[in-house]
Amino acid sequence: MKVKVAAVRTGASAYPSVAPYHPSEIYPEYPFQGTVAVGSNYVYSAIRKIFFELEYDLENFGSEAWNPFGHIIKPGMTVVLKPNFVRSRHFENKDPYAMITHPSVLRAVGDFVWIALKGEGRIIIADAPQYDANWAELMKLTQLHLMSEFYNSRRPASMEILDLRNYWSRRKHFPSMLLPLPGDPNGIVRVDLGNESAVKDVRNPKQLYGAVYHRKELVEHHTGGRQIYELSGTVMKADVVISVPKLKTHKKVGVTMNVKGLVGACTNKNLIVHYSLGRQNEGGDQYPPEHFTSMEERLIRTERWMYDVFLAKQSAPLEYLHRSIYWMHGKFIKPLGIGIPKHKRLLDVGNWHGNDSAWRMCADLLKIIMFADKDGLLHGSPQRSLFSIIDGVIGGENKGPLEPDPVKAGVILGGTNFLATDIVGARLMGFDPMKIKTLSYPLTENGWDYGAQTISDISVASSDPAIRTCLDNRSDRFCDFRPYPGWVGHIEI
């Protein structure tokens, strides 16, 4: 039986601007009669079409009894909506919704979860953004508090919004700047994949680099037969997890949607493999061969040495010594032409198609969300119900995931299979899914069934004939996203 993914054109590449993002018309099943938006809400109507294309509860479509999530969500359940909230602002002052999930997508999905819960159970919006995301700024941008107030005014404690991080920083990831946060109220779940991890096959685990400077923690958790991750208890203990990522390029793995977006369910991102230090002939994948001059390469190696010697100690005095050295370099050495151009920096730290480390971590996280139970134990069958809605109304291209250029793609995708939905999303971006290891590896991994073994196992439901046959089409670029600079010429169809 084929895995079905639905893809819908929204009619306009525009989001509603007024929170809490009501629909613009009263649909028969709409649970909040009398509250509608002034102006169009293309997002809400597109998500309704996703459920229709997937043929969910089709016999009740068009009536007040329509309950498209009823087959996976039952009254009394806890349902987590996991968006992509990587940062609270676009550092190049471009549209932030090229970078993060728009809250109107969460609102539309939330309404159909509400219908399925029938007055019992909880909806939790939860994510662990990057360390430098300002949560208060993010809430001001998205106005999510107005959405939770809307739901909770109709049934107390029905919706909660959680920042899963245990710290954040306003600027750099320096010891003196870290600000503690409460973390996940449901704790963490540790998962050790051991020999079932794709990371076990990296050439030299001692060269692995994670999210921050202290590599020792990462290496200890990914050597000696251990392949340990720490995930959100809220996510792992939920009855249903609905991933709501952005359609976007990614510097380390090519694209980011559901599979890569699972990093946001990890409470300790320093256990997340990002790349391996050094050249390819040394077992690393930090940058392309011949990309830097010998002088530039020496500077990069010096930087990494200083990270290990000064910053990895998590000591404020050593941090200030490190800062002083950088200040002196910028003041006296860089003006002499001894430095690294910004355009060449784009391909450092594993930001290129030869990164052979980060995709392995993504494959591990997909395995965990599908097959690890609430206690972190791995099983041979799926352990929770999953669903995905990919926000491609405005996507992100070029320097994704953190400084992408906006793309008016005007599409929304949905399905129960994270991998299959990502494969269709990548194809609509104009890419070849089989050139993207986060997507191609799970298809053929021995001993594990992710629901599809080949692309031909996936069917696309859409009223648009071109989208319906997109996986068979070997020439059309569809939305024609530009890859990250280090991936240009390597993932396009």
Protein backbone atom coordinates (compact mmCIF):
# COMPACT_ATOMS: atom_id res chain seq x y z
CA MET A 1 0.00 0.00 0.00
CA LYS A 2 1.37 3.39 -0.98
CA VAL A 3 2.11 6.16 1.49
CA LYS A 4 -0.05 9.16 0.63
CA VAL A 5 1.12 12.78 0.81
CA ALA A 6 -1.21 15.68 -0.02
CA ALA A 7 0.01 18.93 -1.56
CA VAL A 8 -2.20 21.97 -2.06
CA ARG A 9 -1.59 25.31 -3.72
CA THR A 10 -2.82 28.09 -1.47
CA GLY A 11 -4.04 30.42 -4.21
CA ALA A 12 -1.97 33.28 -2.78
CA SER A 13 1.40 33.36 -1.05
CA ALA A 14 0.07 35.33 1.89
CA TYR A 15 -0.65 34.75 5.57
CA PRO A 16 -3.43 36.33 7.61
CA SER A 17 -2.00 39.10 9.75
CA VAL A 18 -4.44 39.40 12.65
CA ALA A 19 -4.15 37.02 15.61
CA PRO A 20 -5.58 34.60 16.62
CA TYR A 21 -5.90 33.90 12.85
CA HIS A 22 -9.57 32.94 12.54
CA PRO A 23 -10.81 31.46 9.27
CA SER A 24 -12.37 33.94 6.88
CA GLU A 25 -15.58 31.95 6.46
CA ILE A 26 -17.75 29.73 8.61
CA TYR A 27 -17.15 26.12 7.64
CA PRO A 28 -19.73 23.48 8.68
CA GLU A 29 -17.32 21.75 11.10
CA TYR A 30 -15.85 24.99 12.51
CA PRO A 31 -16.11 24.66 16.31
CA PHE A 32 -16.14 28.38 17.14
CA GLN A 33 -19.18 29.67 15.25
CA GLY A 34 -19.40 33.44 15.23
CA THR A 35 -15.65 34.14 15.25
CA VAL A 36 -14.33 34.82 11.77
CA ALA A 37 -11.60 37.00 10.33
CA VAL A 38 -12.01 40.12 8.24
CA GLY A 39 -10.04 39.46 5.08
CA SER A 40 -8.86 36.25 3.45
CA ASN A 41 -7.28 33.32 5.26
CA TYR A 42 -5.83 31.19 2.47
CA VAL A 43 -3.93 29.05 4.97
CA TYR A 44 -7.02 27.74 6.75
CA SER A 45 -8.81 26.76 3.56
CA ALA A 46 -5.67 25.06 2.20
CA ILE A 47 -5.29 22.92 5.31
CA ARG A 48 -8.94 21.85 5.01
CA LYS A 49 -8.11 20.79 1.43
CA ILE A 50 -5.13 18.77 2.71
CA PHE A 51 -7.48 16.64 4.82
CA PHE A 52 -9.90 16.33 1.92
CA GLU A 53 -7.14 15.20 -0.46
CA LEU A 54 -6.04 12.63 2.12
CA GLU A 55 -9.67 11.41 2.21
CA TYR A 56 -9.94 11.72 6.00
CA ASP A 57 -13.48 11.11 7.26
CA LEU A 58 -14.67 11.75 3.73
CA GLU A 59 -18.21 10.55 4.39
CA ASN A 60 -18.74 13.49 6.78
CA PHE A 61 -17.01 16.16 4.70
CA GLY A 62 -19.21 19.23 4.32
CA SER A 63 -21.11 18.59 7.53
CA GLU A 64 -20.67 19.69 11.13
CA ALA A 65 -19.70 16.10 12.00
CA TRP A 66 -16.50 16.19 9.89
CA ASN A 67 -13.58 15.08 12.07
CA PRO A 68 -10.51 14.47 9.87
CA PHE A 69 -8.16 13.77 12.80
CA GLY A 70 -10.62 11.39 14.45
CA HIS A 71 -8.74 8.27 13.36
CA ILE A 72 -5.56 9.28 15.23
CA ILE A 73 -6.72 11.70 17.94
CA LYS A 74 -9.19 10.58 20.61
CA PRO A 75 -10.76 12.58 23.46
CA GLY A 76 -8.44 12.91 26.47
CA MET A 77 -5.19 12.67 24.49
CA THR A 78 -2.21 15.03 24.68
CA VAL A 79 -1.31 16.39 21.26
CA VAL A 80 1.95 18.26 20.61
CA LEU A 81 2.24 20.73 17.73
CA LYS A 82 5.95 21.10 17.00
CA PRO A 83 6.73 24.16 14.82
CA ASN A 84 10.08 25.41 13.53
CA PHE A 85 10.90 28.42 15.72
CA VAL A 86 14.64 28.44 15.11
CA ARG A 87 15.11 32.18 15.75
CA SER A 88 13.06 35.15 16.89
CA ARG A 89 14.25 37.50 14.15
CA HIS A 90 15.80 37.39 10.69
CA PHE A 91 19.32 38.76 11.13
CA GLU A 92 19.32 40.15 7.56
CA ASN A 93 16.00 41.93 8.20
CA LYS A 94 14.10 39.84 5.66
CA ASP A 95 10.70 38.24 6.15
CA PRO A 96 10.98 36.16 9.35
CA TYR A 97 8.33 33.81 8.00
CA ALA A 98 10.81 32.59 5.41
CA MET A 99 12.57 31.18 8.46
CA ILE A 100 9.90 30.12 10.99
CA THR A 101 6.47 28.49 10.92
CA HIS A 102 3.66 31.00 10.61
CA PRO A 103 1.24 30.88 13.59
CA SER A 104 -1.81 30.84 11.30
CA VAL A 105 -0.76 27.33 10.21
CA LEU A 106 -0.68 26.26 13.86
CA ARG A 107 -4.11 27.81 14.43
CA ALA A 108 -5.73 25.93 11.56
CA VAL A 109 -4.19 22.62 12.65
CA GLY A 110 -5.12 23.39 16.26
CA ASP A 111 -8.80 23.79 15.36
CA PHE A 112 -8.95 20.31 13.86
CA VAL A 113 -7.17 18.88 16.90
CA TRP A 114 -9.77 20.64 19.06
CA ILE A 115 -12.56 19.02 17.05
CA ALA A 116 -11.03 15.56 17.57
CA LEU A 117 -10.49 16.05 21.32
CA LYS A 118 -14.19 16.87 21.82
CA GLY A 119 -13.59 18.93 24.93
CA GLU A 120 -11.10 16.58 26.60
CA GLY A 121 -7.31 16.54 26.44
CA ARG A 122 -4.52 19.05 25.83
CA ILE A 123 -2.89 20.85 22.93
CA ILE A 124 0.75 21.83 23.49
CA ILE A 125 2.80 23.99 21.12
CA ALA A 126 6.42 23.16 21.94
CA ASP A 127 9.85 23.73 20.43
CA ALA A 128 13.48 24.22 21.39
CA PRO A 129 14.77 27.05 19.19
CA GLN A 130 18.41 27.92 18.70
CA TYR A 131 20.16 29.23 21.82
CA ASP A 132 20.03 32.87 20.63
CA ALA A 133 16.26 32.97 20.03
CA ASN A 134 14.58 35.47 22.33
CA TRP A 135 11.34 33.75 23.37
CA ALA A 136 9.61 36.97 24.43
CA GLU A 137 10.46 38.51 21.07
CA LEU A 138 9.22 35.37 19.31
CA MET A 139 5.89 35.50 21.15
CA LYS A 140 5.50 39.19 20.28
CA LEU A 141 6.14 38.41 16.61
CA THR A 142 3.79 35.42 16.40
CA GLN A 143 1.13 36.58 18.89
CA LEU A 144 0.72 32.95 19.93
CA HIS A 145 -0.46 34.03 23.38
CA LEU A 146 -3.63 35.34 21.75
CA MET A 147 -4.24 31.92 20.27
CA SER A 148 -3.80 30.16 23.62
CA GLU A 149 -6.04 32.75 25.31
CA PHE A 150 -8.70 32.12 22.66
CA TYR A 151 -8.67 28.37 23.27
CA ASN A 152 -8.36 28.59 27.05
CA SER A 153 -11.27 31.03 27.29
CA ARG A 154 -13.45 28.27 25.86
CA ARG A 155 -12.01 25.45 27.91
CA PRO A 156 -9.44 26.15 30.67
CA ALA A 157 -5.98 24.58 30.33
CA SER A 158 -6.71 23.34 26.81
CA MET A 159 -3.60 24.90 25.22
CA GLU A 160 -0.07 25.46 26.50
CA ILE A 161 2.98 26.97 24.79
CA LEU A 162 6.40 25.68 25.87
CA ASP A 163 9.99 26.76 25.33
CA LEU A 164 11.81 23.44 25.79
CA ARG A 165 15.29 24.94 26.27
CA ASN A 166 17.08 25.08 29.62
CA TYR A 167 19.06 28.20 28.71
CA TRP A 168 19.43 30.90 26.08
CA SER A 169 21.84 33.72 25.26
CA ARG A 170 21.26 37.21 23.91
CA ARG A 171 24.41 37.14 21.74
CA LYS A 172 27.24 34.64 21.64
CA HIS A 173 27.30 31.20 23.18
CA PHE A 174 29.76 32.35 25.86
CA PRO A 175 29.61 31.20 29.51
CA SER A 176 29.11 34.73 30.82
CA MET A 177 26.10 35.30 28.57
CA LEU A 178 24.03 32.17 29.20
CA LEU A 179 20.69 32.80 30.89
CA PRO A 180 18.93 29.85 32.59
CA LEU A 181 15.42 28.78 31.59
CA PRO A 182 13.03 26.35 33.31
CA GLY A 183 13.32 23.76 30.55
CA ASP A 184 10.75 21.11 29.70
CA PRO A 185 8.31 20.65 32.63
CA ASN A 186 8.00 16.99 31.59
CA GLY A 187 11.73 16.39 31.85
CA ILE A 188 14.00 14.69 29.32
CA VAL A 189 14.07 11.26 27.73
CA ARG A 190 17.50 9.76 27.05
CA VAL A 191 17.76 7.45 24.06
CA ASP A 192 20.84 5.35 23.35
CA LEU A 193 20.68 4.00 19.80
CA GLY A 194 23.97 2.12 20.13
CA ASN A 195 24.66 0.06 17.01
CA GLU A 196 21.36 1.16 15.46
CA SER A 197 22.74 4.68 15.06
CA ALA A 198 23.91 6.00 11.69
CA VAL A 199 26.49 8.12 13.56
CA LYS A 200 28.39 4.97 14.58
CA ASP A 201 29.93 4.88 11.08
CA VAL A 202 31.67 8.26 11.17
CA ARG A 203 35.37 7.84 10.44
CA ASN A 204 36.72 9.44 13.61
CA PRO A 205 34.25 10.19 16.44
CA LYS A 206 36.88 12.24 18.30
CA GLN A 207 36.60 14.89 15.55
CA LEU A 208 32.83 15.35 15.95
CA TYR A 209 31.53 18.84 16.58
CA GLY A 210 28.13 19.64 18.09
CA ALA A 211 26.19 22.81 18.74
CA VAL A 212 28.66 24.53 21.06
CA TYR A 213 32.33 24.75 21.94
CA HIS A 214 32.72 22.00 24.53
CA ARG A 215 33.14 19.01 22.24
CA LYS A 216 34.01 16.63 25.06
CA GLU A 217 30.35 16.22 25.99
CA LEU A 218 29.39 15.34 22.41
CA VAL A 219 32.26 12.90 21.89
CA GLU A 220 31.56 11.10 25.18
CA HIS A 221 27.96 10.52 24.14
CA HIS A 222 28.87 9.22 20.68
CA THR A 223 31.79 6.85 21.35
CA GLY A 224 32.39 3.53 23.11
CA GLY A 225 29.25 1.94 21.70
CA ARG A 226 27.08 4.81 22.97
CA GLN A 227 24.95 6.96 20.69
CA ILE A 228 22.96 9.02 23.19
CA TYR A 229 20.42 11.76 22.59
CA GLU A 230 18.29 13.75 25.04
CA LEU A 231 14.79 14.60 23.89
CA SER A 232 11.85 16.51 25.25
CA GLY A 233 9.67 14.54 27.64
CA THR A 234 6.69 16.57 26.42
CA VAL A 235 7.25 15.37 22.86
CA MET A 236 8.20 11.77 23.64
CA LYS A 237 5.31 11.24 26.07
CA ALA A 238 2.65 12.78 23.84
CA ASP A 239 -0.05 10.59 22.34
CA VAL A 240 0.21 12.37 18.99
CA VAL A 241 3.01 14.55 17.59
CA ILE A 242 2.14 16.91 14.74
CA SER A 243 5.21 18.40 13.09
CA VAL A 244 4.63 21.81 11.48
CA PRO A 245 7.96 22.78 9.88
CA LYS A 246 8.95 25.33 7.24
CA LEU A 247 9.77 24.49 3.60
CA LYS A 248 13.38 25.65 3.65
CA THR A 249 16.96 24.99 2.55
CA HIS A 250 19.63 23.96 5.03
CA LYS A 251 23.37 24.58 5.01
CA LYS A 252 24.42 21.25 6.51
CA VAL A 253 21.92 18.74 5.11
CA GLY A 254 20.43 20.44 2.03
CA VAL A 255 16.82 20.86 3.18
CA THR A 256 15.00 21.16 6.48
CA MET A 257 11.41 20.08 7.01
CA ASN A 258 10.20 17.29 9.30
CA VAL A 259 13.31 15.12 9.63
CA LYS A 260 15.86 17.87 10.23
CA GLY A 261 13.26 19.82 12.23
CA LEU A 262 13.31 17.09 14.90
CA VAL A 263 16.38 18.85 16.29
CA GLY A 264 13.84 21.18 17.89
CA ALA A 265 12.63 18.27 20.02
CA CYS A 266 16.12 17.84 21.51
CA THR A 267 16.71 19.49 24.86
CA ASN A 268 20.50 19.16 24.70
CA LYS A 269 21.62 20.29 21.26
CA ASN A 270 25.26 19.67 22.09
CA LEU A 271 24.54 15.95 21.69
CA ILE A 272 23.51 16.69 18.11
CA VAL A 273 26.26 15.97 15.57
CA HIS A 274 26.80 18.93 13.22
CA TYR A 275 30.05 18.04 11.38
CA SER A 276 33.53 16.57 11.83
CA LEU A 277 36.63 18.72 12.21
CA GLY A 278 39.28 18.92 9.50
CA ARG A 279 39.74 17.92 5.90
CA GLN A 280 38.17 14.91 4.19
CA ASN A 281 41.53 13.11 3.94
CA GLU A 282 41.78 13.45 7.73
CA GLY A 283 38.32 11.99 8.37
CA GLY A 284 36.66 15.41 8.58
CA ASP A 285 33.99 17.20 6.56
CA GLN A 286 34.43 20.73 7.88
CA TYR A 287 34.91 22.40 4.48
CA PRO A 288 35.38 21.48 0.81
CA PRO A 289 38.84 20.47 -0.47
CA GLU A 290 40.93 23.35 -1.78
CA HIS A 291 38.35 25.86 -0.57
CA PHE A 292 40.71 27.80 1.69
CA THR A 293 44.24 28.97 1.10
CA SER A 294 46.92 27.49 3.34
CA MET A 295 46.96 30.72 5.39
CA GLU A 296 43.15 30.68 5.78
CA GLU A 297 43.25 27.03 6.79
CA ARG A 298 45.84 27.78 9.47
CA LEU A 299 43.61 30.55 10.82
CA ILE A 300 40.65 28.16 11.01
CA ARG A 301 42.69 25.52 12.78
CA THR A 302 43.89 28.17 15.25
CA GLU A 303 40.29 29.19 15.91
CA ARG A 304 39.32 25.60 16.68
CA TRP A 305 42.32 25.18 18.93
CA MET A 306 41.24 28.27 20.88
CA TYR A 307 37.72 26.91 21.20
CA ASP A 308 39.10 23.72 22.76
CA VAL A 309 41.59 25.52 25.01
CA PHE A 310 39.58 28.58 26.11
CA LEU A 311 35.84 28.24 25.43
CA ALA A 312 35.39 24.52 26.05
CA LYS A 313 36.36 25.03 29.70
CA GLN A 314 33.18 27.10 30.22
CA SER A 315 35.20 29.55 32.28
CA ALA A 316 34.45 33.27 32.21
CA PRO A 317 38.12 34.35 32.65
CA LEU A 318 39.21 32.13 29.74
CA GLU A 319 36.28 33.44 27.73
CA TYR A 320 37.50 37.03 28.21
CA LEU A 321 41.03 36.01 27.22
CA HIS A 322 39.58 34.49 24.05
CA ARG A 323 37.65 37.67 23.34
CA SER A 324 40.80 39.76 23.84
CA ILE A 325 42.71 37.69 21.29
CA TYR A 326 39.90 38.12 18.77
CA TRP A 327 39.81 41.87 19.43
CA MET A 328 43.55 42.16 18.83
CA HIS A 329 43.27 40.16 15.61
CA GLY A 330 40.48 42.42 14.33
CA LYS A 331 42.32 45.58 15.36
CA PHE A 332 45.88 44.85 14.26
CA ILE A 333 46.08 41.70 12.11
CA LYS A 334 42.97 41.71 9.93
CA PRO A 335 43.73 45.19 8.46
CA LEU A 336 46.94 43.64 7.08
CA GLY A 337 44.84 41.29 4.96
CA ILE A 338 45.27 38.28 7.22
CA GLY A 339 41.73 37.00 7.54
CA ILE A 340 39.01 34.93 5.86
CA PRO A 341 36.51 36.51 3.43
CA LYS A 342 32.85 36.26 4.41
CA HIS A 343 31.83 34.46 1.23
CA LYS A 344 34.35 31.72 1.97
CA ARG A 345 33.17 31.46 5.58
CA LEU A 346 29.77 30.36 4.28
CA LEU A 347 31.18 26.91 3.51
CA ASP A 348 33.03 26.38 6.80
CA VAL A 349 31.64 24.36 9.77
CA GLY A 350 30.16 21.64 7.57
CA ASN A 351 28.04 23.98 5.46
CA TRP A 352 28.38 22.09 2.18
CA HIS A 353 27.24 19.02 0.27
CA GLY A 354 30.18 16.93 1.52
CA ASN A 355 29.01 17.02 5.14
CA ASP A 356 28.89 13.31 5.97
CA SER A 357 28.00 13.74 9.65
CA ALA A 358 24.87 15.84 10.09
CA TRP A 359 22.60 13.67 7.93
CA ARG A 360 23.41 10.73 10.20
CA MET A 361 22.10 12.62 13.21
CA CYS A 362 18.90 13.42 11.30
CA ALA A 363 18.41 9.76 10.43
CA ASP A 364 18.85 8.91 14.12
CA LEU A 365 16.21 11.43 15.18
CA LEU A 366 13.72 10.07 12.66
CA LYS A 367 14.31 6.59 14.09
CA ILE A 368 13.77 7.89 17.62
CA ILE A 369 10.52 9.75 16.94
CA MET A 370 9.09 6.71 15.17
CA PHE A 371 10.42 3.76 17.14
CA ALA A 372 11.51 4.89 20.65
CA ASP A 373 8.90 4.75 23.40
CA LYS A 374 8.26 7.31 26.14
CA ASP A 375 11.07 5.78 28.22
CA GLY A 376 13.59 5.93 25.37
CA LEU A 377 13.55 2.21 24.54
CA LEU A 378 13.73 1.24 20.87
CA HIS A 379 11.10 -1.04 19.31
CA GLY A 380 10.57 -2.57 15.90
CA SER A 381 7.23 -0.86 15.30
CA PRO A 382 6.01 2.78 15.49
CA GLN A 383 5.39 4.01 19.04
CA ARG A 384 3.21 7.08 18.53
CA SER A 385 0.89 8.62 16.00
CA LEU A 386 2.53 11.23 13.79
CA PHE A 387 1.24 13.81 11.35
CA SER A 388 2.88 16.60 9.40
CA ILE A 389 1.83 19.90 7.87
CA ILE A 390 4.66 21.66 6.01
CA ASP A 391 4.33 25.45 5.77
CA GLY A 392 5.41 26.38 2.26
CA VAL A 393 3.20 29.43 1.80
CA ILE A 394 6.39 31.44 1.99
CA GLY A 395 9.48 29.22 1.97
CA GLY A 396 13.15 29.91 2.56
CA GLU A 397 15.95 29.55 -0.01
CA ASN A 398 19.65 30.29 -0.34
CA LYS A 399 21.18 30.85 3.12
CA GLY A 400 18.83 28.61 5.07
CA PRO A 401 18.02 27.80 7.75
CA LEU A 402 18.95 30.99 9.62
CA GLU A 403 19.12 33.78 7.00
CA PRO A 404 17.02 32.48 4.09
CA ASP A 405 15.62 34.58 1.29
CA PRO A 406 11.82 34.38 1.08
CA VAL A 407 10.21 32.34 -1.70
CA LYS A 408 6.51 32.81 -2.48
CA ALA A 409 5.99 29.10 -3.02
CA GLY A 410 2.29 29.07 -2.14
CA VAL A 411 2.11 25.40 -1.16
CA ILE A 412 1.16 23.40 1.93
CA LEU A 413 1.89 19.69 2.29
CA GLY A 414 0.48 17.11 4.69
CA GLY A 415 0.69 13.44 5.59
CA THR A 416 1.23 10.91 8.34
CA ASN A 417 4.73 9.94 7.20
CA PHE A 418 7.49 12.47 7.98
CA LEU A 419 9.93 10.97 5.48
CA ALA A 420 7.48 10.75 2.58
CA THR A 421 6.17 14.27 3.19
CA ASP A 422 9.74 15.63 3.18
CA ILE A 423 10.52 13.78 -0.05
CA VAL A 424 7.57 15.43 -1.80
CA GLY A 425 8.50 18.79 -0.27
CA ALA A 426 12.08 18.51 -1.55
CA ARG A 427 10.82 17.63 -5.02
CA LEU A 428 8.53 20.68 -5.10
CA MET A 429 11.51 22.82 -4.09
CA GLY A 430 13.13 21.68 -7.34
CA PHE A 431 15.51 19.17 -5.77
CA ASP A 432 16.22 15.49 -6.26
CA PRO A 433 15.33 13.73 -2.97
CA MET A 434 17.75 10.89 -3.72
CA LYS A 435 20.66 13.37 -3.64
CA ILE A 436 19.76 14.33 -0.05
CA LYS A 437 21.06 11.76 2.44
CA THR A 438 18.58 12.65 5.21
CA LEU A 439 15.88 11.45 2.82
CA SER A 440 17.58 8.73 0.75
CA TYR A 441 19.28 6.83 3.61
CA PRO A 442 16.13 5.87 5.60
CA LEU A 443 14.49 4.51 2.45
CA THR A 444 16.98 1.66 2.26
CA GLU A 445 18.29 1.25 5.82
CA ASN A 446 18.45 -2.45 6.60
CA GLY A 447 16.12 -3.72 9.30
CA TRP A 448 13.92 -0.63 9.60
CA ASP A 449 10.68 0.16 7.83
CA TYR A 450 9.90 3.87 7.67
CA GLY A 451 6.79 3.26 5.59
CA ALA A 452 8.47 3.55 2.19
CA GLN A 453 11.42 1.73 0.66
CA THR A 454 11.49 3.60 -2.66
CA ILE A 455 10.06 6.84 -4.00
CA SER A 456 7.59 4.76 -6.01
CA ASP A 457 6.01 3.76 -2.68
CA ILE A 458 4.77 7.35 -2.28
CA SER A 459 1.66 8.74 -3.96
CA VAL A 460 0.87 12.45 -4.14
CA ALA A 461 -2.73 13.62 -3.78
CA SER A 462 -3.45 17.00 -5.31
CA SER A 463 -5.99 18.77 -7.49
CA ASP A 464 -3.00 20.07 -9.49
CA PRO A 465 -1.98 17.44 -12.09
CA ALA A 466 1.62 18.69 -12.19
CA ILE A 467 2.01 18.28 -8.43
CA ARG A 468 0.25 14.92 -8.53
CA THR A 469 2.97 13.55 -10.83
CA CYS A 470 5.89 15.49 -9.37
CA LEU A 471 7.81 12.41 -8.18
CA ASP A 472 7.82 10.97 -11.71
CA ASN A 473 8.84 14.26 -13.29
CA ARG A 474 12.61 14.41 -13.76
CA SER A 475 12.88 17.89 -15.24
CA ASP A 476 10.47 20.43 -13.71
CA ARG A 477 11.95 22.71 -11.03
CA PHE A 478 8.46 23.61 -9.68
CA CYS A 479 9.08 26.27 -6.97
CA ASP A 480 12.74 26.48 -8.06
CA PHE A 481 14.41 27.13 -4.69
CA ARG A 482 18.07 28.17 -4.71
CA PRO A 483 20.14 25.81 -2.55
CA TYR A 484 22.52 27.00 0.14
CA PRO A 485 25.78 28.13 -1.60
CA GLY A 486 27.65 24.99 -0.51
CA TRP A 487 24.97 22.81 -2.15
CA VAL A 488 24.57 24.56 -5.49
CA GLY A 489 24.93 22.11 -8.35
CA HIS A 490 24.60 19.06 -6.10
CA ILE A 491 20.90 18.58 -5.19
CA GLU A 492 18.91 20.16 -8.00
CA ILE A 493 16.81 17.85 -10.17
